[in-house]
Amino acid sequence: QEVEWLKAKPKKLIELNGVAVEVELL
């Protein structure tokens, strides 16, 4: 019940300067 990863926001994989990075939308 207190685990934060269960409530985590969805992440998206994008390419930034030719490198794949996982980002979170704020």
mmCIF file of all heavy atoms, coordinates in Angstrom:
data_MODEL
# 
_entry.id   MODEL 
# 
loop_
_atom_site.group_PDB 
_atom_site.id 
_atom_site.type_symbol 
_atom_site.label_atom_id 
_atom_site.label_alt_id 
_atom_site.label_comp_id 
_atom_site.label_asym_id 
_atom_site.label_entity_id 
_atom_site.label_seq_id 
_atom_site.pdbx_PDB_ins_code 
_atom_site.Cartn_x 
_atom_site.Cartn_y 
_atom_site.Cartn_z 
_atom_site.occupancy 
_atom_site.B_iso_or_equiv 
_atom_site.pdbx_formal_charge 
_atom_site.auth_seq_id 
_atom_site.auth_comp_id 
_atom_site.auth_asym_id 
_atom_site.auth_atom_id 
_atom_site.pdbx_PDB_model_num 
ATOM 1   N N   . GLN A 1 1  ? 0.796  -1.218 0.000   1.00 0.00 ? 1  GLN A N   1 
ATOM 2   C CA  . GLN A 1 1  ? 0.000  0.000  0.000   1.00 0.00 ? 1  GLN A CA  1 
ATOM 3   C C   . GLN A 1 1  ? 0.833  1.276  0.000   1.00 0.00 ? 1  GLN A C   1 
ATOM 4   O O   . GLN A 1 1  ? 0.358  2.308  -0.447  1.00 0.00 ? 1  GLN A O   1 
ATOM 5   C CB  . GLN A 1 1  ? -0.955 0.005  1.185   1.00 0.00 ? 1  GLN A CB  1 
ATOM 6   C CG  . GLN A 1 1  ? -0.285 -0.052 2.539   1.00 0.00 ? 1  GLN A CG  1 
ATOM 7   C CD  . GLN A 1 1  ? -1.289 -0.165 3.657   1.00 0.00 ? 1  GLN A CD  1 
ATOM 8   O OE1 . GLN A 1 1  ? -2.462 0.080  3.441   1.00 0.00 ? 1  GLN A OE1 1 
ATOM 9   N NE2 . GLN A 1 1  ? -0.842 -0.524 4.832   1.00 0.00 ? 1  GLN A NE2 1 
ATOM 10  N N   . GLU A 1 2  ? 2.062  1.254  0.448   1.00 0.00 ? 2  GLU A N   1 
ATOM 11  C CA  . GLU A 1 2  ? 2.878  2.459  0.507   1.00 0.00 ? 2  GLU A CA  1 
ATOM 12  C C   . GLU A 1 2  ? 3.985  2.491  -0.543  1.00 0.00 ? 2  GLU A C   1 
ATOM 13  O O   . GLU A 1 2  ? 4.837  3.348  -0.510  1.00 0.00 ? 2  GLU A O   1 
ATOM 14  C CB  . GLU A 1 2  ? 3.517  2.596  1.901   1.00 0.00 ? 2  GLU A CB  1 
ATOM 15  C CG  . GLU A 1 2  ? 2.511  2.782  3.015   1.00 0.00 ? 2  GLU A CG  1 
ATOM 16  C CD  . GLU A 1 2  ? 1.706  4.070  2.865   1.00 0.00 ? 2  GLU A CD  1 
ATOM 17  O OE1 . GLU A 1 2  ? 2.269  5.081  2.444   1.00 0.00 ? 2  GLU A OE1 1 
ATOM 18  O OE2 . GLU A 1 2  ? 0.510  4.040  3.159   1.00 0.00 ? 2  GLU A OE2 1 
ATOM 19  N N   . VAL A 1 3  ? 3.950  1.593  -1.489  1.00 0.00 ? 3  VAL A N   1 
ATOM 20  C CA  . VAL A 1 3  ? 4.995  1.538  -2.494  1.00 0.00 ? 3  VAL A CA  1 
ATOM 21  C C   . VAL A 1 3  ? 4.732  2.590  -3.564  1.00 0.00 ? 3  VAL A C   1 
ATOM 22  O O   . VAL A 1 3  ? 3.667  2.626  -4.163  1.00 0.00 ? 3  VAL A O   1 
ATOM 23  C CB  . VAL A 1 3  ? 5.072  0.126  -3.118  1.00 0.00 ? 3  VAL A CB  1 
ATOM 24  C CG1 . VAL A 1 3  ? 6.133  0.079  -4.199  1.00 0.00 ? 3  VAL A CG1 1 
ATOM 25  C CG2 . VAL A 1 3  ? 5.346  -0.912 -2.047  1.00 0.00 ? 3  VAL A CG2 1 
ATOM 26  N N   . GLU A 1 4  ? 5.724  3.444  -3.826  1.00 0.00 ? 4  GLU A N   1 
ATOM 27  C CA  . GLU A 1 4  ? 5.563  4.537  -4.782  1.00 0.00 ? 4  GLU A CA  1 
ATOM 28  C C   . GLU A 1 4  ? 5.519  4.057  -6.226  1.00 0.00 ? 4  GLU A C   1 
ATOM 29  O O   . GLU A 1 4  ? 4.853  4.647  -7.050  1.00 0.00 ? 4  GLU A O   1 
ATOM 30  C CB  . GLU A 1 4  ? 6.701  5.547  -4.614  1.00 0.00 ? 4  GLU A CB  1 
ATOM 31  C CG  . GLU A 1 4  ? 6.574  6.401  -3.388  1.00 0.00 ? 4  GLU A CG  1 
ATOM 32  C CD  . GLU A 1 4  ? 5.331  7.269  -3.398  1.00 0.00 ? 4  GLU A CD  1 
ATOM 33  O OE1 . GLU A 1 4  ? 5.004  7.839  -4.448  1.00 0.00 ? 4  GLU A OE1 1 
ATOM 34  O OE2 . GLU A 1 4  ? 4.675  7.353  -2.355  1.00 0.00 ? 4  GLU A OE2 1 
ATOM 35  N N   . TRP A 1 5  ? 6.208  2.980  -6.565  1.00 0.00 ? 5  TRP A N   1 
ATOM 36  C CA  . TRP A 1 5  ? 6.247  2.561  -7.965  1.00 0.00 ? 5  TRP A CA  1 
ATOM 37  C C   . TRP A 1 5  ? 4.904  2.058  -8.447  1.00 0.00 ? 5  TRP A C   1 
ATOM 38  O O   . TRP A 1 5  ? 4.671  1.994  -9.642  1.00 0.00 ? 5  TRP A O   1 
ATOM 39  C CB  . TRP A 1 5  ? 7.344  1.532  -8.211  1.00 0.00 ? 5  TRP A CB  1 
ATOM 40  C CG  . TRP A 1 5  ? 7.258  0.287  -7.400  1.00 0.00 ? 5  TRP A CG  1 
ATOM 41  C CD1 . TRP A 1 5  ? 7.885  0.043  -6.216  1.00 0.00 ? 5  TRP A CD1 1 
ATOM 42  C CD2 . TRP A 1 5  ? 6.521  -0.901 -7.696  1.00 0.00 ? 5  TRP A CD2 1 
ATOM 43  N NE1 . TRP A 1 5  ? 7.575  -1.208 -5.763  1.00 0.00 ? 5  TRP A NE1 1 
ATOM 44  C CE2 . TRP A 1 5  ? 6.742  -1.814 -6.649  1.00 0.00 ? 5  TRP A CE2 1 
ATOM 45  C CE3 . TRP A 1 5  ? 5.688  -1.268 -8.736  1.00 0.00 ? 5  TRP A CE3 1 
ATOM 46  C CZ2 . TRP A 1 5  ? 6.151  -3.069 -6.626  1.00 0.00 ? 5  TRP A CZ2 1 
ATOM 47  C CZ3 . TRP A 1 5  ? 5.107  -2.525 -8.705  1.00 0.00 ? 5  TRP A CZ3 1 
ATOM 48  C CH2 . TRP A 1 5  ? 5.359  -3.404 -7.666  1.00 0.00 ? 5  TRP A CH2 1 
ATOM 49  N N   . LEU A 1 6  ? 4.001  1.718  -7.523  1.00 0.00 ? 6  LEU A N   1 
ATOM 50  C CA  . LEU A 1 6  ? 2.665  1.322  -7.946  1.00 0.00 ? 6  LEU A CA  1 
ATOM 51  C C   . LEU A 1 6  ? 1.861  2.517  -8.443  1.00 0.00 ? 6  LEU A C   1 
ATOM 52  O O   . LEU A 1 6  ? 0.966  2.380  -9.258  1.00 0.00 ? 6  LEU A O   1 
ATOM 53  C CB  . LEU A 1 6  ? 1.919  0.656  -6.786  1.00 0.00 ? 6  LEU A CB  1 
ATOM 54  C CG  . LEU A 1 6  ? 2.409  -0.728 -6.382  1.00 0.00 ? 6  LEU A CG  1 
ATOM 55  C CD1 . LEU A 1 6  ? 1.670  -1.201 -5.142  1.00 0.00 ? 6  LEU A CD1 1 
ATOM 56  C CD2 . LEU A 1 6  ? 2.229  -1.710 -7.514  1.00 0.00 ? 6  LEU A CD2 1 
ATOM 57  N N   . LYS A 1 7  ? 2.202  3.721  -7.939  1.00 0.00 ? 7  LYS A N   1 
ATOM 58  C CA  . LYS A 1 7  ? 1.502  4.941  -8.326  1.00 0.00 ? 7  LYS A CA  1 
ATOM 59  C C   . LYS A 1 7  ? 2.313  5.768  -9.321  1.00 0.00 ? 7  LYS A C   1 
ATOM 60  O O   . LYS A 1 7  ? 1.998  6.913  -9.569  1.00 0.00 ? 7  LYS A O   1 
ATOM 61  C CB  . LYS A 1 7  ? 1.248  5.784  -7.085  1.00 0.00 ? 7  LYS A CB  1 
ATOM 62  C CG  . LYS A 1 7  ? 0.440  5.098  -6.019  1.00 0.00 ? 7  LYS A CG  1 
ATOM 63  C CD  . LYS A 1 7  ? 0.287  6.017  -4.850  1.00 0.00 ? 7  LYS A CD  1 
ATOM 64  C CE  . LYS A 1 7  ? 0.683  5.280  -3.601  1.00 0.00 ? 7  LYS A CE  1 
ATOM 65  N NZ  . LYS A 1 7  ? 0.756  6.102  -2.439  1.00 0.00 ? 7  LYS A NZ  1 
ATOM 66  N N   . ALA A 1 8  ? 3.361  5.200  -9.867  1.00 0.00 ? 8  ALA A N   1 
ATOM 67  C CA  . ALA A 1 8  ? 4.266  5.946  -10.741 1.00 0.00 ? 8  ALA A CA  1 
ATOM 68  C C   . ALA A 1 8  ? 3.569  6.401  -12.015 1.00 0.00 ? 8  ALA A C   1 
ATOM 69  O O   . ALA A 1 8  ? 2.691  5.726  -12.539 1.00 0.00 ? 8  ALA A O   1 
ATOM 70  C CB  . ALA A 1 8  ? 5.461  5.082  -11.092 1.00 0.00 ? 8  ALA A CB  1 
ATOM 71  N N   . LYS A 1 9  ? 3.989  7.554  -12.492 1.00 0.00 ? 9  LYS A N   1 
ATOM 72  C CA  . LYS A 1 9  ? 3.447  8.094  -13.723 1.00 0.00 ? 9  LYS A CA  1 
ATOM 73  C C   . LYS A 1 9  ? 4.018  7.308  -14.904 1.00 0.00 ? 9  LYS A C   1 
ATOM 74  O O   . LYS A 1 9  ? 5.145  6.824  -14.843 1.00 0.00 ? 9  LYS A O   1 
ATOM 75  C CB  . LYS A 1 9  ? 3.828  9.560  -13.857 1.00 0.00 ? 9  LYS A CB  1 
ATOM 76  C CG  . LYS A 1 9  ? 3.226  10.433 -12.784 1.00 0.00 ? 9  LYS A CG  1 
ATOM 77  C CD  . LYS A 1 9  ? 3.664  11.858 -12.967 1.00 0.00 ? 9  LYS A CD  1 
ATOM 78  C CE  . LYS A 1 9  ? 3.129  12.705 -11.841 1.00 0.00 ? 9  LYS A CE  1 
ATOM 79  N NZ  . LYS A 1 9  ? 3.583  14.084 -11.936 1.00 0.00 ? 9  LYS A NZ  1 
ATOM 80  N N   . PRO A 1 10 ? 3.267  7.221  -15.979 1.00 0.00 ? 10 PRO A N   1 
ATOM 81  C CA  . PRO A 1 10 ? 3.793  6.508  -17.149 1.00 0.00 ? 10 PRO A CA  1 
ATOM 82  C C   . PRO A 1 10 ? 4.988  7.237  -17.759 1.00 0.00 ? 10 PRO A C   1 
ATOM 83  O O   . PRO A 1 10 ? 5.045  8.465  -17.765 1.00 0.00 ? 10 PRO A O   1 
ATOM 84  C CB  . PRO A 1 10 ? 2.613  6.478  -18.118 1.00 0.00 ? 10 PRO A CB  1 
ATOM 85  C CG  . PRO A 1 10 ? 1.699  7.545  -17.658 1.00 0.00 ? 10 PRO A CG  1 
ATOM 86  C CD  . PRO A 1 10 ? 1.927  7.716  -16.189 1.00 0.00 ? 10 PRO A CD  1 
ATOM 87  N N   . LYS A 1 11 ? 5.916  6.478  -18.247 1.00 0.00 ? 11 LYS A N   1 
ATOM 88  C CA  . LYS A 1 11 ? 7.123  7.021  -18.852 1.00 0.00 ? 11 LYS A CA  1 
ATOM 89  C C   . LYS A 1 11 ? 7.071  6.794  -20.355 1.00 0.00 ? 11 LYS A C   1 
ATOM 90  O O   . LYS A 1 11 ? 6.378  5.926  -20.850 1.00 0.00 ? 11 LYS A O   1 
ATOM 91  C CB  . LYS A 1 11 ? 8.351  6.327  -18.268 1.00 0.00 ? 11 LYS A CB  1 
ATOM 92  C CG  . LYS A 1 11 ? 8.345  6.237  -16.747 1.00 0.00 ? 11 LYS A CG  1 
ATOM 93  C CD  . LYS A 1 11 ? 9.259  7.197  -16.128 1.00 0.00 ? 11 LYS A CD  1 
ATOM 94  C CE  . LYS A 1 11 ? 9.402  7.092  -14.639 1.00 0.00 ? 11 LYS A CE  1 
ATOM 95  N NZ  . LYS A 1 11 ? 8.251  7.140  -13.853 1.00 0.00 ? 11 LYS A NZ  1 
ATOM 96  N N   . LYS A 1 12 ? 7.823  7.603  -21.101 1.00 0.00 ? 12 LYS A N   1 
ATOM 97  C CA  . LYS A 1 12 ? 7.854  7.494  -22.540 1.00 0.00 ? 12 LYS A CA  1 
ATOM 98  C C   . LYS A 1 12 ? 9.304  7.486  -23.003 1.00 0.00 ? 12 LYS A C   1 
ATOM 99  O O   . LYS A 1 12 ? 10.138 8.195  -22.451 1.00 0.00 ? 12 LYS A O   1 
ATOM 100 C CB  . LYS A 1 12 ? 7.098  8.662  -23.160 1.00 0.00 ? 12 LYS A CB  1 
ATOM 101 C CG  . LYS A 1 12 ? 6.950  8.571  -24.644 1.00 0.00 ? 12 LYS A CG  1 
ATOM 102 C CD  . LYS A 1 12 ? 6.047  9.664  -25.155 1.00 0.00 ? 12 LYS A CD  1 
ATOM 103 C CE  . LYS A 1 12 ? 5.868  9.479  -26.655 1.00 0.00 ? 12 LYS A CE  1 
ATOM 104 N NZ  . LYS A 1 12 ? 4.969  10.455 -27.209 1.00 0.00 ? 12 LYS A NZ  1 
ATOM 105 N N   . LEU A 1 13 ? 9.591  6.702  -24.028 1.00 0.00 ? 13 LEU A N   1 
ATOM 106 C CA  . LEU A 1 13 ? 10.927 6.623  -24.587 1.00 0.00 ? 13 LEU A CA  1 
ATOM 107 C C   . LEU A 1 13 ? 11.005 7.535  -25.804 1.00 0.00 ? 13 LEU A C   1 
ATOM 108 O O   . LEU A 1 13 ? 10.229 7.388  -26.748 1.00 0.00 ? 13 LEU A O   1 
ATOM 109 C CB  . LEU A 1 13 ? 11.238 5.172  -24.977 1.00 0.00 ? 13 LEU A CB  1 
ATOM 110 C CG  . LEU A 1 13 ? 12.674 4.837  -25.309 1.00 0.00 ? 13 LEU A CG  1 
ATOM 111 C CD1 . LEU A 1 13 ? 13.553 5.031  -24.086 1.00 0.00 ? 13 LEU A CD1 1 
ATOM 112 C CD2 . LEU A 1 13 ? 12.769 3.408  -25.780 1.00 0.00 ? 13 LEU A CD2 1 
ATOM 113 N N   . ILE A 1 14 ? 11.926 8.508  -25.758 1.00 0.00 ? 14 ILE A N   1 
ATOM 114 C CA  . ILE A 1 14 ? 12.103 9.435  -26.878 1.00 0.00 ? 14 ILE A CA  1 
ATOM 115 C C   . ILE A 1 14 ? 13.581 9.460  -27.263 1.00 0.00 ? 14 ILE A C   1 
ATOM 116 O O   . ILE A 1 14 ? 14.433 8.975  -26.529 1.00 0.00 ? 14 ILE A O   1 
ATOM 117 C CB  . ILE A 1 14 ? 11.633 10.867 -26.536 1.00 0.00 ? 14 ILE A CB  1 
ATOM 118 C CG1 . ILE A 1 14 ? 12.493 11.473 -25.430 1.00 0.00 ? 14 ILE A CG1 1 
ATOM 119 C CG2 . ILE A 1 14 ? 10.163 10.900 -26.183 1.00 0.00 ? 14 ILE A CG2 1 
ATOM 120 C CD1 . ILE A 1 14 ? 12.296 12.968 -25.251 1.00 0.00 ? 14 ILE A CD1 1 
ATOM 121 N N   . GLU A 1 15 ? 13.862 10.049 -28.417 1.00 0.00 ? 15 GLU A N   1 
ATOM 122 C CA  . GLU A 1 15 ? 15.246 10.226 -28.837 1.00 0.00 ? 15 GLU A CA  1 
ATOM 123 C C   . GLU A 1 15 ? 15.613 11.688 -28.685 1.00 0.00 ? 15 GLU A C   1 
ATOM 124 O O   . GLU A 1 15 ? 14.929 12.577 -29.191 1.00 0.00 ? 15 GLU A O   1 
ATOM 125 C CB  . GLU A 1 15 ? 15.421 9.783  -30.285 1.00 0.00 ? 15 GLU A CB  1 
ATOM 126 C CG  . GLU A 1 15 ? 16.871 9.721  -30.692 1.00 0.00 ? 15 GLU A CG  1 
ATOM 127 C CD  . GLU A 1 15 ? 17.069 9.059  -32.029 1.00 0.00 ? 15 GLU A CD  1 
ATOM 128 O OE1 . GLU A 1 15 ? 16.431 8.019  -32.267 1.00 0.00 ? 15 GLU A OE1 1 
ATOM 129 O OE2 . GLU A 1 15 ? 17.844 9.596  -32.828 1.00 0.00 ? 15 GLU A OE2 1 
ATOM 130 N N   . LEU A 1 16 ? 16.690 11.956 -27.965 1.00 0.00 ? 16 LEU A N   1 
ATOM 131 C CA  . LEU A 1 16 ? 17.148 13.316 -27.689 1.00 0.00 ? 16 LEU A CA  1 
ATOM 132 C C   . LEU A 1 16 ? 18.619 13.405 -28.081 1.00 0.00 ? 16 LEU A C   1 
ATOM 133 O O   . LEU A 1 16 ? 19.453 12.694 -27.507 1.00 0.00 ? 16 LEU A O   1 
ATOM 134 C CB  . LEU A 1 16 ? 16.963 13.645 -26.210 1.00 0.00 ? 16 LEU A CB  1 
ATOM 135 C CG  . LEU A 1 16 ? 17.321 15.028 -25.736 1.00 0.00 ? 16 LEU A CG  1 
ATOM 136 C CD1 . LEU A 1 16 ? 16.402 16.064 -26.387 1.00 0.00 ? 16 LEU A CD1 1 
ATOM 137 C CD2 . LEU A 1 16 ? 17.209 15.129 -24.238 1.00 0.00 ? 16 LEU A CD2 1 
ATOM 138 N N   . ASN A 1 17 ? 18.933 14.242 -29.049 1.00 0.00 ? 17 ASN A N   1 
ATOM 139 C CA  . ASN A 1 17 ? 20.311 14.380 -29.554 1.00 0.00 ? 17 ASN A CA  1 
ATOM 140 C C   . ASN A 1 17 ? 20.890 13.042 -29.997 1.00 0.00 ? 17 ASN A C   1 
ATOM 141 O O   . ASN A 1 17 ? 22.061 12.752 -29.783 1.00 0.00 ? 17 ASN A O   1 
ATOM 142 C CB  . ASN A 1 17 ? 21.221 15.017 -28.500 1.00 0.00 ? 17 ASN A CB  1 
ATOM 143 C CG  . ASN A 1 17 ? 20.790 16.406 -28.130 1.00 0.00 ? 17 ASN A CG  1 
ATOM 144 O OD1 . ASN A 1 17 ? 20.144 17.096 -28.910 1.00 0.00 ? 17 ASN A OD1 1 
ATOM 145 N ND2 . ASN A 1 17 ? 21.103 16.824 -26.931 1.00 0.00 ? 17 ASN A ND2 1 
ATOM 146 N N   . GLY A 1 18 ? 20.063 12.191 -30.585 1.00 0.00 ? 18 GLY A N   1 
ATOM 147 C CA  . GLY A 1 18 ? 20.516 10.906 -31.087 1.00 0.00 ? 18 GLY A CA  1 
ATOM 148 C C   . GLY A 1 18 ? 20.621 9.816  -30.043 1.00 0.00 ? 18 GLY A C   1 
ATOM 149 O O   . GLY A 1 18 ? 21.096 8.720  -30.333 1.00 0.00 ? 18 GLY A O   1 
ATOM 150 N N   . VAL A 1 19 ? 20.172 10.080 -28.814 1.00 0.00 ? 19 VAL A N   1 
ATOM 151 C CA  . VAL A 1 19 ? 20.259 9.108  -27.720 1.00 0.00 ? 19 VAL A CA  1 
ATOM 152 C C   . VAL A 1 19 ? 18.849 8.819  -27.207 1.00 0.00 ? 19 VAL A C   1 
ATOM 153 O O   . VAL A 1 19 ? 18.067 9.745  -26.972 1.00 0.00 ? 19 VAL A O   1 
ATOM 154 C CB  . VAL A 1 19 ? 21.130 9.660  -26.565 1.00 0.00 ? 19 VAL A CB  1 
ATOM 155 C CG1 . VAL A 1 19 ? 21.224 8.657  -25.437 1.00 0.00 ? 19 VAL A CG1 1 
ATOM 156 C CG2 . VAL A 1 19 ? 22.512 10.030 -27.065 1.00 0.00 ? 19 VAL A CG2 1 
ATOM 157 N N   . ALA A 1 20 ? 18.533 7.548  -27.019 1.00 0.00 ? 20 ALA A N   1 
ATOM 158 C CA  . ALA A 1 20 ? 17.228 7.173  -26.482 1.00 0.00 ? 20 ALA A CA  1 
ATOM 159 C C   . ALA A 1 20 ? 17.209 7.425  -24.976 1.00 0.00 ? 20 ALA A C   1 
ATOM 160 O O   . ALA A 1 20 ? 18.088 6.954  -24.252 1.00 0.00 ? 20 ALA A O   1 
ATOM 161 C CB  . ALA A 1 20 ? 16.937 5.708  -26.773 1.00 0.00 ? 20 ALA A CB  1 
ATOM 162 N N   . VAL A 1 21 ? 16.235 8.192  -24.521 1.00 0.00 ? 21 VAL A N   1 
ATOM 163 C CA  . VAL A 1 21 ? 16.080 8.477  -23.095 1.00 0.00 ? 21 VAL A CA  1 
ATOM 164 C C   . VAL A 1 21 ? 14.631 8.236  -22.685 1.00 0.00 ? 21 VAL A C   1 
ATOM 165 O O   . VAL A 1 21 ? 13.710 8.413  -23.469 1.00 0.00 ? 21 VAL A O   1 
ATOM 166 C CB  . VAL A 1 21 ? 16.484 9.933  -22.736 1.00 0.00 ? 21 VAL A CB  1 
ATOM 167 C CG1 . VAL A 1 21 ? 17.960 10.148 -22.904 1.00 0.00 ? 21 VAL A CG1 1 
ATOM 168 C CG2 . VAL A 1 21 ? 15.718 10.942 -23.539 1.00 0.00 ? 21 VAL A CG2 1 
ATOM 169 N N   . GLU A 1 22 ? 14.459 7.813  -21.454 1.00 0.00 ? 22 GLU A N   1 
ATOM 170 C CA  . GLU A 1 22 ? 13.130 7.609  -20.891 1.00 0.00 ? 22 GLU A CA  1 
ATOM 171 C C   . GLU A 1 22 ? 12.766 8.870  -20.123 1.00 0.00 ? 22 GLU A C   1 
ATOM 172 O O   . GLU A 1 22 ? 13.530 9.329  -19.275 1.00 0.00 ? 22 GLU A O   1 
ATOM 173 C CB  . GLU A 1 22 ? 13.167 6.406  -19.947 1.00 0.00 ? 22 GLU A CB  1 
ATOM 174 C CG  . GLU A 1 22 ? 11.834 5.961  -19.456 1.00 0.00 ? 22 GLU A CG  1 
ATOM 175 C CD  . GLU A 1 22 ? 11.954 4.695  -18.637 1.00 0.00 ? 22 GLU A CD  1 
ATOM 176 O OE1 . GLU A 1 22 ? 12.621 3.747  -19.075 1.00 0.00 ? 22 GLU A OE1 1 
ATOM 177 O OE2 . GLU A 1 22 ? 11.373 4.678  -17.541 1.00 0.00 ? 22 GLU A OE2 1 
ATOM 178 N N   . VAL A 1 23 ? 11.606 9.452  -20.445 1.00 0.00 ? 23 VAL A N   1 
ATOM 179 C CA  . VAL A 1 23 ? 11.210 10.721 -19.841 1.00 0.00 ? 23 VAL A CA  1 
ATOM 180 C C   . VAL A 1 23 ? 9.841  10.594 -19.171 1.00 0.00 ? 23 VAL A C   1 
ATOM 181 O O   . VAL A 1 23 ? 9.057  9.710  -19.487 1.00 0.00 ? 23 VAL A O   1 
ATOM 182 C CB  . VAL A 1 23 ? 11.161 11.863 -20.887 1.00 0.00 ? 23 VAL A CB  1 
ATOM 183 C CG1 . VAL A 1 23 ? 12.527 12.145 -21.447 1.00 0.00 ? 23 VAL A CG1 1 
ATOM 184 C CG2 . VAL A 1 23 ? 10.178 11.562 -21.994 1.00 0.00 ? 23 VAL A CG2 1 
ATOM 185 N N   . GLU A 1 24 ? 9.617  11.512 -18.246 1.00 0.00 ? 24 GLU A N   1 
ATOM 186 C CA  . GLU A 1 24 ? 8.320  11.624 -17.561 1.00 0.00 ? 24 GLU A CA  1 
ATOM 187 C C   . GLU A 1 24 ? 7.749  12.999 -17.872 1.00 0.00 ? 24 GLU A C   1 
ATOM 188 O O   . GLU A 1 24 ? 8.456  14.003 -17.814 1.00 0.00 ? 24 GLU A O   1 
ATOM 189 C CB  . GLU A 1 24 ? 8.528  11.477 -16.056 1.00 0.00 ? 24 GLU A CB  1 
ATOM 190 C CG  . GLU A 1 24 ? 7.289  11.684 -15.243 1.00 0.00 ? 24 GLU A CG  1 
ATOM 191 C CD  . GLU A 1 24 ? 7.575  11.640 -13.746 1.00 0.00 ? 24 GLU A CD  1 
ATOM 192 O OE1 . GLU A 1 24 ? 8.579  11.068 -13.335 1.00 0.00 ? 24 GLU A OE1 1 
ATOM 193 O OE2 . GLU A 1 24 ? 6.771  12.217 -13.002 1.00 0.00 ? 24 GLU A OE2 1 
ATOM 194 N N   . LEU A 1 25 ? 6.476  13.062 -18.233 1.00 0.00 ? 25 LEU A N   1 
ATOM 195 C CA  . LEU A 1 25 ? 5.821  14.328 -18.527 1.00 0.00 ? 25 LEU A CA  1 
ATOM 196 C C   . LEU A 1 25 ? 5.389  14.987 -17.228 1.00 0.00 ? 25 LEU A C   1 
ATOM 197 O O   . LEU A 1 25 ? 4.675  14.385 -16.427 1.00 0.00 ? 25 LEU A O   1 
ATOM 198 C CB  . LEU A 1 25 ? 4.609  14.107 -19.434 1.00 0.00 ? 25 LEU A CB  1 
ATOM 199 C CG  . LEU A 1 25 ? 3.819  15.338 -19.819 1.00 0.00 ? 25 LEU A CG  1 
ATOM 200 C CD1 . LEU A 1 25 ? 4.689  16.308 -20.610 1.00 0.00 ? 25 LEU A CD1 1 
ATOM 201 C CD2 . LEU A 1 25 ? 2.594  14.969 -20.611 1.00 0.00 ? 25 LEU A CD2 1 
ATOM 202 N N   . LEU A 1 26 ? 5.825  16.223 -17.018 1.00 0.00 ? 26 LEU A N   1 
ATOM 203 C CA  . LEU A 1 26 ? 5.463  16.978 -15.821 1.00 0.00 ? 26 LEU A CA  1 
ATOM 204 C C   . LEU A 1 26 ? 4.218  17.811 -16.099 1.00 0.00 ? 26 LEU A C   1 
ATOM 205 O O   . LEU A 1 26 ? 3.834  18.027 -17.244 1.00 0.00 ? 26 LEU A O   1 
ATOM 206 C CB  . LEU A 1 26 ? 6.632  17.874 -15.401 1.00 0.00 ? 26 LEU A CB  1 
ATOM 207 C CG  . LEU A 1 26 ? 7.946  17.150 -15.099 1.00 0.00 ? 26 LEU A CG  1 
ATOM 208 C CD1 . LEU A 1 26 ? 9.040  18.156 -14.779 1.00 0.00 ? 26 LEU A CD1 1 
ATOM 209 C CD2 . LEU A 1 26 ? 7.768  16.172 -13.950 1.00 0.00 ? 26 LEU A CD2 1 
# 
